[in-house]
């Protein structure tokens, strides 16, 4: 992540583009950054961060994922893909 890119506050997430692909970036409460594929595993829509629920949500079919990518609500059944550390 470059200095010009917006960075999430602790406990928050953002979606950024890297090499033309969406990347879901979460900063944990301790300040460490974590990166996941920003592509929903159900039908490949781009997820968005829900500030209210502190979850990744897919606007297409309603799948929801924990900050570390595990499925909370389907129709997705596979977690978001973890990417190398930032």
C-alpha atoms as a PDB file:
ATOM      1  CA  UNK A   1       0.000   0.000   0.000  1.00  0.00           C
ATOM      2  CA  UNK A   2       1.426   3.339  -0.919  1.00  0.00           C
ATOM      3  CA  UNK A   3       1.252   6.510   1.136  1.00  0.00           C
ATOM      4  CA  UNK A   4      -1.182   8.034  -1.381  1.00  0.00           C
ATOM      5  CA  UNK A   5      -3.755   5.300  -0.824  1.00  0.00           C
ATOM      6  CA  UNK A   6      -6.335   5.625   1.896  1.00  0.00           C
ATOM      7  CA  UNK A   7      -5.601   3.377   4.840  1.00  0.00           C
ATOM      8  CA  UNK A   8      -8.259   1.988   7.171  1.00  0.00           C
ATOM      9  CA  UNK A   9      -8.396   2.969  10.835  1.00  0.00           C
ATOM     10  CA  UNK A  10      -8.034   0.205  13.451  1.00  0.00           C
ATOM     11  CA  UNK A  11     -11.116  -2.035  13.360  1.00  0.00           C
ATOM     12  CA  UNK A  12     -12.112  -0.840   9.868  1.00  0.00           C
ATOM     13  CA  UNK A  13     -11.786  -2.061   6.283  1.00  0.00           C
ATOM     14  CA  UNK A  14     -11.545  -0.638   2.776  1.00  0.00           C
ATOM     15  CA  UNK A  15     -11.497  -2.083  -0.729  1.00  0.00           C
ATOM     16  CA  UNK A  16      -8.679  -0.924  -2.977  1.00  0.00           C
ATOM     17  CA  UNK A  17      -7.544  -1.865  -6.471  1.00  0.00           C
ATOM     18  CA  UNK A  18      -4.236  -3.687  -6.993  1.00  0.00           C
ATOM     19  CA  UNK A  19      -3.241  -4.636 -10.502  1.00  0.00           C
ATOM     20  CA  UNK A  20      -6.856  -4.156 -11.547  1.00  0.00           C
ATOM     21  CA  UNK A  21      -8.229  -6.493  -8.868  1.00  0.00           C
ATOM     22  CA  UNK A  22     -10.219  -5.570  -5.741  1.00  0.00           C
ATOM     23  CA  UNK A  23      -8.413  -6.194  -2.461  1.00  0.00           C
ATOM     24  CA  UNK A  24     -10.240  -6.069   0.881  1.00  0.00           C
ATOM     25  CA  UNK A  25      -7.877  -4.490   3.431  1.00  0.00           C
ATOM     26  CA  UNK A  26      -8.660  -4.680   7.159  1.00  0.00           C
ATOM     27  CA  UNK A  27      -6.700  -3.070   9.996  1.00  0.00           C
ATOM     28  CA  UNK A  28      -7.124  -5.069  13.191  1.00  0.00           C
ATOM     29  CA  UNK A  29      -7.485  -3.325  16.569  1.00  0.00           C
ATOM     30  CA  UNK A  30      -3.740  -3.792  17.211  1.00  0.00           C
ATOM     31  CA  UNK A  31      -2.977  -1.902  13.982  1.00  0.00           C
ATOM     32  CA  UNK A  32      -1.816  -4.761  11.734  1.00  0.00           C
ATOM     33  CA  UNK A  33      -3.065  -4.759   8.135  1.00  0.00           C
ATOM     34  CA  UNK A  34      -4.604  -7.884   6.567  1.00  0.00           C
ATOM     35  CA  UNK A  35      -5.458  -8.376   2.891  1.00  0.00           C
ATOM     36  CA  UNK A  36      -8.104 -10.600   1.322  1.00  0.00           C
ATOM     37  CA  UNK A  37      -9.424 -10.971  -2.167  1.00  0.00           C
ATOM     38  CA  UNK A  38     -12.215  -8.418  -2.536  1.00  0.00           C
ATOM     39  CA  UNK A  39     -14.123 -10.810  -4.794  1.00  0.00           C
ATOM     40  CA  UNK A  40     -17.082 -12.662  -3.271  1.00  0.00           C
ATOM     41  CA  UNK A  41     -16.715 -16.425  -3.614  1.00  0.00           C
ATOM     42  CA  UNK A  42     -20.364 -16.835  -4.619  1.00  0.00           C
ATOM     43  CA  UNK A  43     -20.612 -15.028  -7.968  1.00  0.00           C
ATOM     44  CA  UNK A  44     -17.553 -12.789  -7.997  1.00  0.00           C
ATOM     45  CA  UNK A  45     -19.059  -9.407  -7.103  1.00  0.00           C
ATOM     46  CA  UNK A  46     -16.830  -6.964  -5.233  1.00  0.00           C
ATOM     47  CA  UNK A  47     -17.421  -6.904  -1.471  1.00  0.00           C
ATOM     48  CA  UNK A  48     -17.823  -3.715   0.565  1.00  0.00           C
ATOM     49  CA  UNK A  49     -17.000  -2.954   4.194  1.00  0.00           C
ATOM     50  CA  UNK A  50     -19.962  -2.504   6.543  1.00  0.00           C
ATOM     51  CA  UNK A  51     -18.914   0.031   9.162  1.00  0.00           C
ATOM     52  CA  UNK A  52     -22.016  -0.724  11.251  1.00  0.00           C
ATOM     53  CA  UNK A  53     -21.610  -4.520  11.300  1.00  0.00           C
ATOM     54  CA  UNK A  54     -17.794  -4.671  10.981  1.00  0.00           C
ATOM     55  CA  UNK A  55     -18.147  -7.240   8.181  1.00  0.00           C
ATOM     56  CA  UNK A  56     -17.392  -7.595   4.481  1.00  0.00           C
ATOM     57  CA  UNK A  57     -20.686  -7.673   2.579  1.00  0.00           C
ATOM     58  CA  UNK A  58     -21.504  -8.624  -0.999  1.00  0.00           C
ATOM     59  CA  UNK A  59     -24.010  -6.179  -2.494  1.00  0.00           C
ATOM     60  CA  UNK A  60     -25.085  -8.658  -5.196  1.00  0.00           C
ATOM     61  CA  UNK A  61     -26.578 -11.555  -3.219  1.00  0.00           C
ATOM     62  CA  UNK A  62     -26.062 -10.688   0.455  1.00  0.00           C
ATOM     63  CA  UNK A  63     -23.160 -12.897   1.492  1.00  0.00           C
ATOM     64  CA  UNK A  64     -21.338 -11.582   4.550  1.00  0.00           C
ATOM     65  CA  UNK A  65     -17.840 -12.344   5.791  1.00  0.00           C
ATOM     66  CA  UNK A  66     -15.895 -11.705   9.002  1.00  0.00           C
ATOM     67  CA  UNK A  67     -12.960  -9.265   8.824  1.00  0.00           C
ATOM     68  CA  UNK A  68     -10.655 -12.270   8.276  1.00  0.00           C
ATOM     69  CA  UNK A  69     -12.840 -13.622   5.446  1.00  0.00           C
ATOM     70  CA  UNK A  70     -14.894 -16.416   7.031  1.00  0.00           C
ATOM     71  CA  UNK A  71     -18.487 -16.794   5.820  1.00  0.00           C
ATOM     72  CA  UNK A  72     -21.147 -15.452   8.225  1.00  0.00           C
ATOM     73  CA  UNK A  73     -24.148 -15.565   5.868  1.00  0.00           C
ATOM     74  CA  UNK A  74     -24.515 -17.163   2.432  1.00  0.00           C
ATOM     75  CA  UNK A  75     -25.176 -17.900  -0.295  1.00  0.00           C
ATOM     76  CA  UNK A  76     -21.341 -18.006  -0.386  1.00  0.00           C
ATOM     77  CA  UNK A  77     -19.936 -21.153   1.222  1.00  0.00           C
ATOM     78  CA  UNK A  78     -16.203 -20.533   0.682  1.00  0.00           C
ATOM     79  CA  UNK A  79     -14.249 -17.854   2.620  1.00  0.00           C
ATOM     80  CA  UNK A  80     -12.591 -14.873   0.957  1.00  0.00           C
ATOM     81  CA  UNK A  81      -9.084 -15.767  -0.214  1.00  0.00           C
ATOM     82  CA  UNK A  82      -6.310 -14.568   2.083  1.00  0.00           C
ATOM     83  CA  UNK A  83      -3.583 -12.623   0.294  1.00  0.00           C
ATOM     84  CA  UNK A  84       0.051 -12.171   1.362  1.00  0.00           C
ATOM     85  CA  UNK A  85       0.574  -9.706   4.183  1.00  0.00           C
ATOM     86  CA  UNK A  86       0.844  -6.060   3.245  1.00  0.00           C
END
